[in-house]
């Protein structure tokens, strides 16, 4: 059977971290705005292409009509979890950077991402298929 060879790929840190440590892959750059603690010697792409930044992100979402007291309770619990050293260490190990913002800030971030990537889609002329 022929072996598959991939010459270049964009992949999440958690997916490739062990392969990079084992020197089976070479990390050329990270797509976040700054270098990551998981790969401190790997430059951010923005160091050679100013303004370049792409990061995957995760967030907690609920129904649009979720009662405000419940939103606040969940947000407080999430902030507490993200503030724990155990969780911060786990995130660092996975190459993740916790933001730990509140619901209003996160909502603004999501809206800005929709605007940002909407412009990219419009500029490329991409159409859903």
Foldseek 3Di string as FASTA:
>chain_A
DDDDDDDDDDDFCLVCLVVVVVVVDPAAADQAPADALSCNPHGHVCVVVPPGHDDDDDDDDDDPPPDPVVLVVVLVVVLVQCPDPVNVVVCSNRRHDDPSDGPVVVVVVVVVVCVVVVVVCVVVVDDDD
